[in-house]
Amino acid sequence: MLTLLYSVGRAPGRSPLQQRRGGLFVSSHRSGPGFLERGASQGARKGPEWERRGGQRVADERRRQFGAYLARLRRDAHKSQRQLAALLCAVSGTPSLTRNEVSRWERGERIPEAWLPFIAEVLGVPVGELERAAAHARGESDGPPFGAAVILSELIPPRDLLAPLATRAGRRIGSDDVANLAARVHGFRLADDVLAGGDLMAPVFRELNAAMRLYRESTHTEAVGSALLAQIGELAQIAGWIASDAGRHEKAEHVYRIGIEAARQAGNGPLVANLAGSLAYQLSNTGQERVGLDLARAALAEAGPDAPSKTRALFFDRVAWAHARAGEAQPAMQALGQAHDALSKADEDAPRWAYWVSTEELEVMDARVFTELHRPLRAVPLLTDVLSRYDATHAREVALYRSWLAVALANANEPEQAAEEARRVVSASADMASDRTASRARVVLQRLRDFEEVPEVRDLLHDHGHVLSA
């Protein structure tokens, strides 16, 4: 039974990640939060009784989401339900709490009102965050629950696709199998440097499905299982990135959610943050700027101050971009500075997936933020310098960076140079199976329509104006 929660637009109590342009948000009690369905408006005009039942379902769903959030906090603290109950009894001086009561909380049957301060103490989370989440579950808060853990708890996959089978018929695997998977995962990262999303979609999703089957069906030690989950999370991140580049945004979001759950189970906070930050980047670029900003901040908070410096530089960069897309100049500039500060302290503990984070890449993001904030005098020199040194085999990135240079030149009232760069972008995008480059080509051409009287621009639009209607 699908539960209609809210219609189009901002609705009371709607969580940040439930805000979507167009369509309706619906949720399945069997499948959990986060399902997006289109065209599910039937029943929207069925009268007071339908509305009453719908309101009850909304209340039930809120409590269930709170329960899932609480369970997430408990698992992150590496506590069983029985252990949590025992600890709560100890700190509260009340010996009557049992595992069954904790289970009721996590199923959404009850909200642990008087226990919130003790839960916060035992699980090491701010009590205010728990109280806001509980107020949201009770329907007392029109806004979303706050805090990184609350936001990220909404990204768990619609059902536990990573649950091991009750009877495993597969072979026993060890660290060599994980190492082989890790090598293939990194191979996809390197391939993404030189190939577009449309070229890599099929093989990367085959690999991800095979890795998930391996985890569910095989037998292994706890350490091997945790390492395998981490590789599934890393593979999900690159698969999501590839799907997003191919324009398959819903598929990308779905696989990012799976990756977040895998990284959560593996206890890998920086990887959770990388997956959440990748999704935040997609949301910021697809018309969901406020949601993207909330999630980018949550990813940074999830990583924490002890994450490897190179990864923190990446997460600050994503926060900067999210602020820029939201039109917030000052916090965007501040986040850029924090990214550079973090990278200056880079250590040797950075994970393999952060191999590409460098001063050069941060300068590219600086320039993109400057372009987005209409500061071309700062953007143009940076992009020109970076492009003069950039690896030409990374054709997609070169085309994307040229697209920002073209827009920055247009903003600097240099339409002739902008048209020259734009022609390169459009020509390159025509030969790539990348939705991102195609979209940027349209952005550049649209920006240059303000200079149609300039001969170079007029010729460009004559030759490639059809791209705008693609």
Protein backbone atom coordinates (compact mmCIF):
# COMPACT_ATOMS: atom_id res chain seq x y z
CA MET A 1 0.00 0.00 0.00
CA LEU A 2 1.52 3.30 -1.07
CA THR A 3 1.07 6.22 1.27
CA LEU A 4 0.57 9.65 -0.26
CA LEU A 5 2.54 12.05 1.92
CA TYR A 6 2.64 15.42 0.24
CA SER A 7 1.80 16.98 -3.09
CA VAL A 8 3.97 19.26 -5.20
CA GLY A 9 5.68 22.14 -3.43
CA ARG A 10 6.75 22.88 0.10
CA ALA A 11 4.62 20.99 2.61
CA PRO A 12 4.61 21.15 6.40
CA GLY A 13 6.97 18.65 7.95
CA ARG A 14 8.52 17.65 4.67
CA SER A 15 12.13 16.61 5.05
CA PRO A 16 14.84 18.25 2.90
CA LEU A 17 15.44 15.12 0.85
CA GLN A 18 11.72 14.71 0.24
CA GLN A 19 11.51 18.05 -1.58
CA ARG A 20 11.38 17.41 -5.30
CA ARG A 21 10.34 19.44 -8.29
CA GLY A 22 7.33 17.89 -9.98
CA GLY A 23 5.51 14.70 -9.16
CA LEU A 24 4.54 13.45 -5.74
CA PHE A 25 6.44 11.88 -2.90
CA VAL A 26 5.08 8.54 -1.83
CA SER A 27 6.37 5.97 0.57
CA SER A 28 5.85 2.27 1.01
CA HIS A 29 5.65 0.73 4.48
CA ARG A 30 7.15 -2.42 3.07
CA SER A 31 9.97 -0.66 1.29
CA GLY A 32 10.87 2.19 3.64
CA PRO A 33 11.41 5.92 3.04
CA GLY A 34 12.79 7.52 -0.04
CA PHE A 35 10.77 6.08 -2.92
CA LEU A 36 9.96 8.62 -5.59
CA GLU A 37 6.99 7.92 -7.77
CA ARG A 38 5.54 9.96 -10.60
CA GLY A 39 1.92 10.27 -11.56
CA ALA A 40 0.66 8.90 -8.24
CA SER A 41 -2.00 11.53 -7.76
CA GLN A 42 -4.99 9.20 -7.86
CA GLY A 43 -7.01 9.47 -4.69
CA ALA A 44 -5.98 13.07 -4.04
CA ARG A 45 -9.62 14.18 -4.09
CA LYS A 46 -11.34 11.41 -2.14
CA GLY A 47 -12.83 13.54 0.63
CA PRO A 48 -12.42 13.92 4.41
CA GLU A 49 -12.19 10.23 5.26
CA TRP A 50 -9.36 9.76 2.77
CA GLU A 51 -7.62 12.82 4.24
CA ARG A 52 -8.07 11.51 7.79
CA ARG A 53 -6.55 8.16 6.85
CA GLY A 54 -3.79 9.95 4.95
CA GLY A 55 -3.00 12.07 8.02
CA GLN A 56 -2.71 8.98 10.17
CA ARG A 57 -0.39 7.40 7.65
CA VAL A 58 1.77 10.53 7.67
CA ALA A 59 1.98 10.31 11.49
CA ASP A 60 2.82 6.61 11.31
CA GLU A 61 5.48 7.28 8.69
CA ARG A 62 7.08 10.02 10.78
CA ARG A 63 7.33 7.74 13.79
CA ARG A 64 8.72 4.94 11.64
CA GLN A 65 11.35 7.30 10.24
CA PHE A 66 12.29 8.35 13.77
CA GLY A 67 12.62 4.69 14.71
CA ALA A 68 14.87 4.02 11.70
CA TYR A 69 16.97 7.06 12.67
CA LEU A 70 17.30 5.83 16.25
CA ALA A 71 18.29 2.36 15.07
CA ARG A 72 20.91 3.96 12.84
CA LEU A 73 22.40 5.86 15.77
CA ARG A 74 22.50 2.68 17.85
CA ARG A 75 24.24 0.68 15.12
CA ASP A 76 26.74 3.50 14.55
CA ALA A 77 27.59 3.26 18.26
CA HIS A 78 28.11 -0.53 17.80
CA LYS A 79 25.46 -1.40 20.38
CA SER A 80 22.83 -4.14 20.27
CA GLN A 81 19.31 -3.40 21.42
CA ARG A 82 19.99 -5.37 24.59
CA GLN A 83 23.20 -3.45 25.26
CA LEU A 84 21.48 -0.12 24.72
CA ALA A 85 18.70 -1.07 27.16
CA ALA A 86 21.25 -2.09 29.78
CA LEU A 87 23.22 1.14 29.39
CA LEU A 88 20.07 3.25 29.62
CA CYS A 89 19.10 1.44 32.81
CA ALA A 90 22.54 2.14 34.25
CA VAL A 91 22.66 5.88 33.48
CA SER A 92 19.03 6.54 34.41
CA GLY A 93 18.90 4.43 37.55
CA THR A 94 15.74 2.78 36.22
CA PRO A 95 16.22 -0.99 35.95
CA SER A 96 12.96 -1.83 34.16
CA LEU A 97 13.84 -0.94 30.55
CA THR A 98 14.14 -4.01 28.30
CA ARG A 99 15.32 -4.80 24.79
CA ASN A 100 11.67 -5.18 23.77
CA GLU A 101 11.01 -1.52 24.57
CA VAL A 102 14.02 -0.44 22.48
CA SER A 103 12.64 -2.58 19.67
CA ARG A 104 9.26 -0.79 19.92
CA TRP A 105 11.02 2.56 19.61
CA GLU A 106 12.92 1.43 16.52
CA ARG A 107 9.77 0.04 14.88
CA GLY A 108 8.12 3.44 15.34
CA GLU A 109 5.50 2.18 17.78
CA ARG A 110 6.56 4.58 20.54
CA ILE A 111 8.69 7.70 20.94
CA PRO A 112 11.06 7.46 23.93
CA GLU A 113 10.09 10.84 25.35
CA ALA A 114 11.62 10.75 28.85
CA TRP A 115 14.56 8.68 27.68
CA LEU A 116 15.89 11.18 25.11
CA PRO A 117 18.53 12.78 27.40
CA PHE A 118 19.81 9.35 28.44
CA ILE A 119 19.86 8.09 24.84
CA ALA A 120 21.86 11.16 23.85
CA GLU A 121 24.35 10.48 26.66
CA VAL A 122 24.76 6.79 25.84
CA LEU A 123 24.99 7.18 22.05
CA GLY A 124 27.05 10.37 22.11
CA VAL A 125 24.72 12.61 20.09
CA PRO A 126 23.46 16.13 20.91
CA VAL A 127 20.24 15.94 22.91
CA GLY A 128 18.86 18.87 20.95
CA GLU A 129 19.16 16.88 17.74
CA LEU A 130 17.22 14.00 19.27
CA GLU A 131 14.54 16.33 20.62
CA ARG A 132 14.08 18.04 17.24
CA ALA A 133 13.77 14.66 15.54
CA ALA A 134 11.22 13.55 18.15
CA ALA A 135 9.22 16.77 17.71
CA HIS A 136 9.17 16.10 13.98
CA ALA A 137 7.95 12.55 14.64
CA ARG A 138 5.15 13.87 16.88
CA GLY A 139 4.05 16.30 14.17
CA GLU A 140 4.95 19.33 16.29
CA SER A 141 7.53 20.68 13.85
CA ASP A 142 6.60 22.07 10.44
CA GLY A 143 10.21 22.10 9.34
CA PRO A 144 12.49 19.13 8.74
CA PRO A 145 14.45 17.42 11.48
CA PHE A 146 17.94 18.87 11.75
CA GLY A 147 21.41 17.46 12.00
CA ALA A 148 23.68 15.43 9.78
CA ALA A 149 22.61 12.10 11.25
CA VAL A 150 18.93 12.90 10.69
CA ILE A 151 19.47 13.94 7.08
CA LEU A 152 21.68 10.98 6.27
CA SER A 153 19.32 8.54 7.97
CA GLU A 154 16.80 9.35 5.24
CA LEU A 155 19.19 8.03 2.60
CA ILE A 156 19.09 4.39 3.62
CA PRO A 157 18.04 2.22 0.69
CA PRO A 158 14.36 1.42 0.24
CA ARG A 159 14.94 -2.11 1.47
CA ASP A 160 17.99 -3.86 2.79
CA LEU A 161 19.55 -4.94 -0.46
CA LEU A 162 22.69 -5.86 1.46
CA ALA A 163 21.11 -8.30 3.91
CA PRO A 164 22.91 -11.65 3.77
CA LEU A 165 20.76 -14.56 2.64
CA ALA A 166 19.41 -16.76 5.42
CA THR A 167 21.09 -19.76 3.79
CA ARG A 168 24.27 -18.89 1.95
CA ALA A 169 25.13 -21.26 -0.86
CA GLY A 170 28.17 -19.38 -2.13
CA ARG A 171 31.83 -20.13 -1.55
CA ARG A 172 33.91 -18.84 1.34
CA ILE A 173 35.85 -15.73 0.38
CA GLY A 174 38.88 -14.05 1.89
CA SER A 175 41.04 -10.94 1.71
CA ASP A 176 42.37 -11.83 -1.76
CA ASP A 177 38.84 -11.66 -3.17
CA VAL A 178 38.37 -8.22 -1.62
CA ALA A 179 41.71 -7.05 -2.99
CA ASN A 180 40.73 -8.21 -6.48
CA LEU A 181 37.45 -6.30 -6.24
CA ALA A 182 39.30 -3.20 -4.98
CA ALA A 183 41.56 -3.32 -8.05
CA ARG A 184 38.54 -3.48 -10.37
CA VAL A 185 36.85 -0.62 -8.51
CA HIS A 186 39.91 1.57 -8.95
CA GLY A 187 40.03 0.54 -12.59
CA PHE A 188 36.56 2.04 -13.06
CA ARG A 189 37.73 5.27 -11.41
CA LEU A 190 40.63 5.52 -13.84
CA ALA A 191 38.36 4.66 -16.77
CA ASP A 192 36.00 7.46 -15.72
CA ASP A 193 38.90 9.90 -16.18
CA VAL A 194 38.95 9.22 -19.92
CA LEU A 195 35.51 7.79 -20.79
CA ALA A 196 32.03 9.26 -20.45
CA GLY A 197 29.18 7.96 -18.34
CA GLY A 198 27.25 6.50 -21.24
CA ASP A 199 30.24 4.33 -22.13
CA LEU A 200 30.66 2.92 -18.62
CA MET A 201 27.09 2.51 -17.34
CA ALA A 202 26.56 -1.13 -18.31
CA PRO A 203 29.88 -2.58 -17.09
CA VAL A 204 29.96 -0.69 -13.78
CA PHE A 205 26.44 -1.74 -12.84
CA ARG A 206 27.19 -5.35 -13.75
CA GLU A 207 30.19 -5.18 -11.42
CA LEU A 208 28.14 -3.62 -8.62
CA ASN A 209 25.40 -6.24 -8.87
CA ALA A 210 28.01 -9.00 -8.82
CA ALA A 211 29.70 -7.51 -5.74
CA MET A 212 26.39 -7.29 -3.89
CA ARG A 213 25.58 -10.90 -4.75
CA LEU A 214 29.02 -11.93 -3.56
CA TYR A 215 28.44 -10.28 -0.18
CA ARG A 216 24.96 -11.70 0.27
CA GLU A 217 25.64 -15.25 -0.89
CA SER A 218 29.19 -15.99 0.28
CA THR A 219 30.54 -16.92 3.68
CA HIS A 220 33.32 -14.86 5.20
CA THR A 221 34.78 -13.55 8.42
CA GLU A 222 33.46 -10.34 9.96
CA ALA A 223 36.62 -8.47 8.91
CA VAL A 224 36.36 -9.67 5.31
CA GLY A 225 32.65 -8.82 5.24
CA SER A 226 33.36 -5.29 6.46
CA ALA A 227 36.11 -4.80 3.87
CA LEU A 228 33.81 -6.11 1.16
CA LEU A 229 31.06 -3.68 2.21
CA ALA A 230 33.54 -0.82 1.97
CA GLN A 231 34.40 -1.83 -1.60
CA ILE A 232 30.70 -2.05 -2.45
CA GLY A 233 30.34 1.49 -1.10
CA GLU A 234 33.26 2.71 -3.21
CA LEU A 235 31.88 0.95 -6.29
CA ALA A 236 28.45 2.46 -5.66
CA GLN A 237 30.00 5.92 -5.52
CA ILE A 238 31.68 5.59 -8.90
CA ALA A 239 28.56 3.90 -10.34
CA GLY A 240 26.44 6.80 -9.11
CA TRP A 241 28.88 9.31 -10.54
CA ILE A 242 28.86 7.52 -13.90
CA ALA A 243 25.05 7.31 -13.95
CA SER A 244 24.80 11.01 -13.12
CA ASP A 245 27.19 11.86 -15.95
CA ALA A 246 24.99 9.83 -18.28
CA GLY A 247 21.94 11.82 -17.18
CA ARG A 248 20.39 8.91 -15.24
CA HIS A 249 19.83 10.92 -12.08
CA GLU A 250 17.23 8.72 -10.40
CA LYS A 251 19.40 5.66 -10.97
CA ALA A 252 22.37 7.56 -9.56
CA GLU A 253 20.45 8.55 -6.42
CA HIS A 254 19.31 4.97 -5.89
CA VAL A 255 22.83 3.58 -6.09
CA TYR A 256 24.24 6.35 -3.88
CA ARG A 257 21.72 5.27 -1.23
CA ILE A 258 22.90 1.67 -1.46
CA GLY A 259 26.49 2.84 -1.16
CA ILE A 260 25.72 4.94 1.90
CA GLU A 261 24.19 1.92 3.61
CA ALA A 262 27.18 -0.26 2.70
CA ALA A 263 29.64 2.34 4.00
CA ARG A 264 27.54 2.74 7.15
CA GLN A 265 27.64 -0.97 7.83
CA ALA A 266 31.39 -0.96 7.20
CA GLY A 267 31.81 1.86 9.75
CA ASN A 268 33.56 4.07 7.17
CA GLY A 269 32.52 7.67 7.90
CA PRO A 270 34.61 9.40 5.19
CA LEU A 271 33.18 7.02 2.57
CA VAL A 272 29.63 7.77 3.76
CA ALA A 273 30.49 11.45 3.39
CA ASN A 274 31.90 10.93 -0.11
CA LEU A 275 28.72 9.19 -1.25
CA ALA A 276 26.43 11.76 0.39
CA GLY A 277 28.55 14.60 -0.99
CA SER A 278 28.39 13.12 -4.49
CA LEU A 279 24.59 13.02 -4.26
CA ALA A 280 24.60 16.57 -2.87
CA TYR A 281 26.58 17.67 -5.92
CA GLN A 282 24.03 16.10 -8.25
CA LEU A 283 21.13 17.72 -6.40
CA SER A 284 22.82 21.14 -6.51
CA ASN A 285 23.23 20.80 -10.27
CA THR A 286 19.69 19.61 -11.02
CA GLY A 287 17.54 22.37 -9.57
CA GLN A 288 17.50 21.22 -5.94
CA GLU A 289 19.98 23.73 -4.57
CA ARG A 290 18.71 23.96 -0.98
CA VAL A 291 18.50 20.19 -0.61
CA GLY A 292 21.97 19.86 -2.09
CA LEU A 293 23.33 22.40 0.38
CA ASP A 294 21.76 20.64 3.37
CA LEU A 295 23.21 17.34 2.26
CA ALA A 296 26.67 18.76 1.48
CA ARG A 297 26.83 20.18 4.99
CA ALA A 298 25.62 16.88 6.44
CA ALA A 299 28.34 15.02 4.53
CA LEU A 300 31.02 17.31 5.97
CA ALA A 301 29.64 16.83 9.48
CA GLU A 302 29.46 13.06 8.96
CA ALA A 303 33.15 12.91 8.01
CA GLY A 304 34.10 14.77 11.17
CA PRO A 305 37.24 16.76 11.98
CA ASP A 306 39.41 13.65 12.16
CA ALA A 307 38.79 12.56 8.57
CA PRO A 308 41.90 12.57 6.32
CA SER A 309 42.73 16.14 5.34
CA LYS A 310 42.51 15.40 1.63
CA THR A 311 38.94 14.17 1.99
CA ARG A 312 37.96 17.18 4.10
CA ALA A 313 39.27 19.41 1.32
CA LEU A 314 36.94 17.62 -1.09
CA PHE A 315 33.95 17.93 1.25
CA PHE A 316 34.57 21.64 1.83
CA ASP A 317 34.77 22.09 -1.94
CA ARG A 318 31.33 20.51 -2.35
CA VAL A 319 29.94 22.76 0.36
CA ALA A 320 31.40 25.75 -1.47
CA TRP A 321 29.76 24.70 -4.73
CA ALA A 322 26.43 24.09 -3.03
CA HIS A 323 26.53 27.59 -1.49
CA ALA A 324 27.43 29.09 -4.88
CA ARG A 325 24.53 27.31 -6.57
CA ALA A 326 22.26 28.64 -3.83
CA GLY A 327 23.55 32.17 -4.53
CA GLU A 328 25.33 32.52 -1.19
CA ALA A 329 28.64 34.21 -1.94
CA GLN A 330 30.19 34.73 1.49
CA PRO A 331 29.81 31.17 2.84
CA ALA A 332 30.93 29.83 -0.56
CA MET A 333 34.15 31.82 -0.37
CA GLN A 334 34.69 30.77 3.23
CA ALA A 335 34.31 27.08 2.31
CA LEU A 336 36.83 27.50 -0.53
CA GLY A 337 39.36 28.85 1.95
CA GLN A 338 38.68 25.94 4.31
CA ALA A 339 39.22 23.48 1.44
CA HIS A 340 42.66 24.95 0.70
CA ASP A 341 43.56 25.00 4.39
CA ALA A 342 42.62 21.32 4.68
CA LEU A 343 44.63 20.33 1.61
CA SER A 344 47.70 22.16 2.93
CA LYS A 345 47.66 19.68 5.84
CA ALA A 346 47.20 16.63 3.62
CA ASP A 347 48.58 13.47 5.16
CA GLU A 348 49.41 9.99 3.94
CA ASP A 349 46.21 8.41 5.23
CA ALA A 350 43.93 9.60 2.44
CA PRO A 351 41.83 6.77 0.94
CA ARG A 352 42.51 5.58 -2.56
CA TRP A 353 39.30 7.14 -3.89
CA ALA A 354 40.66 10.62 -3.12
CA TYR A 355 43.65 10.16 -5.45
CA TRP A 356 42.52 12.96 -7.77
CA VAL A 357 42.11 15.69 -5.13
CA SER A 358 44.91 18.22 -5.72
CA THR A 359 45.68 21.93 -5.63
CA GLU A 360 44.93 22.05 -9.35
CA GLU A 361 41.47 20.55 -8.86
CA LEU A 362 40.73 22.96 -6.00
CA GLU A 363 41.68 25.84 -8.28
CA VAL A 364 39.18 24.56 -10.84
CA MET A 365 36.47 24.61 -8.19
CA ASP A 366 37.57 28.10 -7.13
CA ALA A 367 37.11 29.28 -10.69
CA ARG A 368 33.75 27.57 -11.08
CA VAL A 369 32.49 29.19 -7.88
CA PHE A 370 33.78 32.58 -9.04
CA THR A 371 31.98 32.07 -12.36
CA GLU A 372 28.75 31.05 -10.66
CA LEU A 373 28.97 34.15 -8.45
CA HIS A 374 29.65 36.39 -11.48
CA ARG A 375 33.23 37.24 -10.57
CA PRO A 376 34.89 36.73 -13.96
CA LEU A 377 38.04 38.72 -13.23
CA ARG A 378 38.97 36.05 -10.70
CA ALA A 379 37.66 33.08 -12.69
CA VAL A 380 39.21 33.70 -16.11
CA PRO A 381 42.92 33.72 -15.08
CA LEU A 382 42.49 30.61 -12.94
CA LEU A 383 40.72 28.60 -15.64
CA THR A 384 43.12 29.75 -18.34
CA ASP A 385 46.11 28.68 -16.26
CA VAL A 386 44.62 25.31 -15.27
CA LEU A 387 43.58 24.46 -18.83
CA SER A 388 47.08 25.25 -20.10
CA ARG A 389 48.41 22.47 -17.82
CA TYR A 390 45.54 19.99 -17.80
CA ASP A 391 45.89 16.44 -19.12
CA ALA A 392 44.34 16.49 -22.59
CA THR A 393 43.37 12.82 -22.33
CA HIS A 394 40.71 13.86 -19.79
CA ALA A 395 38.58 15.19 -22.61
CA ARG A 396 35.31 15.46 -20.68
CA GLU A 397 36.86 17.50 -17.87
CA VAL A 398 38.62 19.75 -20.39
CA ALA A 399 35.30 20.40 -22.15
CA LEU A 400 33.54 21.09 -18.85
CA TYR A 401 36.24 23.49 -17.68
CA ARG A 402 36.17 25.29 -21.02
CA SER A 403 32.42 25.71 -20.60
CA TRP A 404 32.96 27.63 -17.37
CA LEU A 405 35.70 29.65 -19.03
CA ALA A 406 33.32 30.56 -21.85
CA VAL A 407 30.66 31.74 -19.39
CA ALA A 408 33.24 33.69 -17.38
CA LEU A 409 34.48 35.39 -20.55
CA ALA A 410 30.92 36.30 -21.46
CA ASN A 411 30.43 37.71 -17.96
CA ALA A 412 33.63 39.75 -18.50
CA ASN A 413 32.13 41.19 -21.71
CA GLU A 414 34.54 39.28 -23.95
CA PRO A 415 32.06 37.60 -26.31
CA GLU A 416 34.55 36.93 -29.09
CA GLN A 417 36.79 34.84 -26.86
CA ALA A 418 33.75 33.26 -25.24
CA ALA A 419 32.47 32.17 -28.65
CA GLU A 420 35.84 30.57 -29.45
CA GLU A 421 35.76 28.54 -26.24
CA ALA A 422 32.09 27.70 -26.71
CA ARG A 423 32.75 26.27 -30.16
CA ARG A 424 35.29 23.90 -28.63
CA VAL A 425 32.82 22.85 -25.94
CA VAL A 426 30.00 22.15 -28.39
CA SER A 427 32.26 20.20 -30.73
CA ALA A 428 33.65 18.09 -27.90
CA SER A 429 30.23 17.38 -26.36
CA ALA A 430 28.88 16.09 -29.67
CA ASP A 431 31.35 13.19 -29.52
CA MET A 432 30.77 12.23 -25.87
CA ALA A 433 28.15 10.08 -24.20
CA SER A 434 28.05 12.59 -21.34
CA ASP A 435 24.88 14.40 -20.33
CA ARG A 436 26.95 16.81 -18.25
CA THR A 437 28.94 18.12 -21.22
CA ALA A 438 25.79 18.31 -23.35
CA SER A 439 24.02 20.30 -20.63
CA ARG A 440 26.97 22.65 -20.23
CA ALA A 441 27.06 23.22 -23.99
CA ARG A 442 23.43 24.38 -23.80
CA VAL A 443 24.22 26.64 -20.83
CA VAL A 444 27.05 28.30 -22.74
CA LEU A 445 25.01 28.83 -25.90
CA GLN A 446 22.13 30.25 -23.90
CA ARG A 447 24.48 32.68 -22.15
CA LEU A 448 25.92 33.86 -25.48
CA ARG A 449 22.50 34.69 -26.91
CA ASP A 450 22.91 38.04 -25.16
CA PHE A 451 25.66 38.81 -27.72
CA GLU A 452 23.94 37.76 -30.94
CA GLU A 453 25.00 40.96 -32.67
CA VAL A 454 28.69 39.98 -32.36
CA PRO A 455 29.75 38.24 -35.60
CA GLU A 456 31.61 35.40 -33.90
CA VAL A 457 28.63 34.66 -31.67
CA ARG A 458 26.18 34.96 -34.54
CA ASP A 459 28.19 32.41 -36.53
CA LEU A 460 28.36 30.08 -33.53
CA LEU A 461 24.61 30.20 -32.98
CA HIS A 462 24.00 29.70 -36.70
CA ASP A 463 26.14 26.55 -36.69
CA HIS A 464 25.06 25.10 -33.35
CA GLY A 465 21.87 26.85 -32.29
CA HIS A 466 19.95 23.58 -32.75
CA VAL A 467 21.72 22.28 -29.61
CA LEU A 468 19.54 24.58 -27.52
CA SER A 469 16.44 22.63 -28.49
CA ALA A 470 18.04 19.19 -28.05
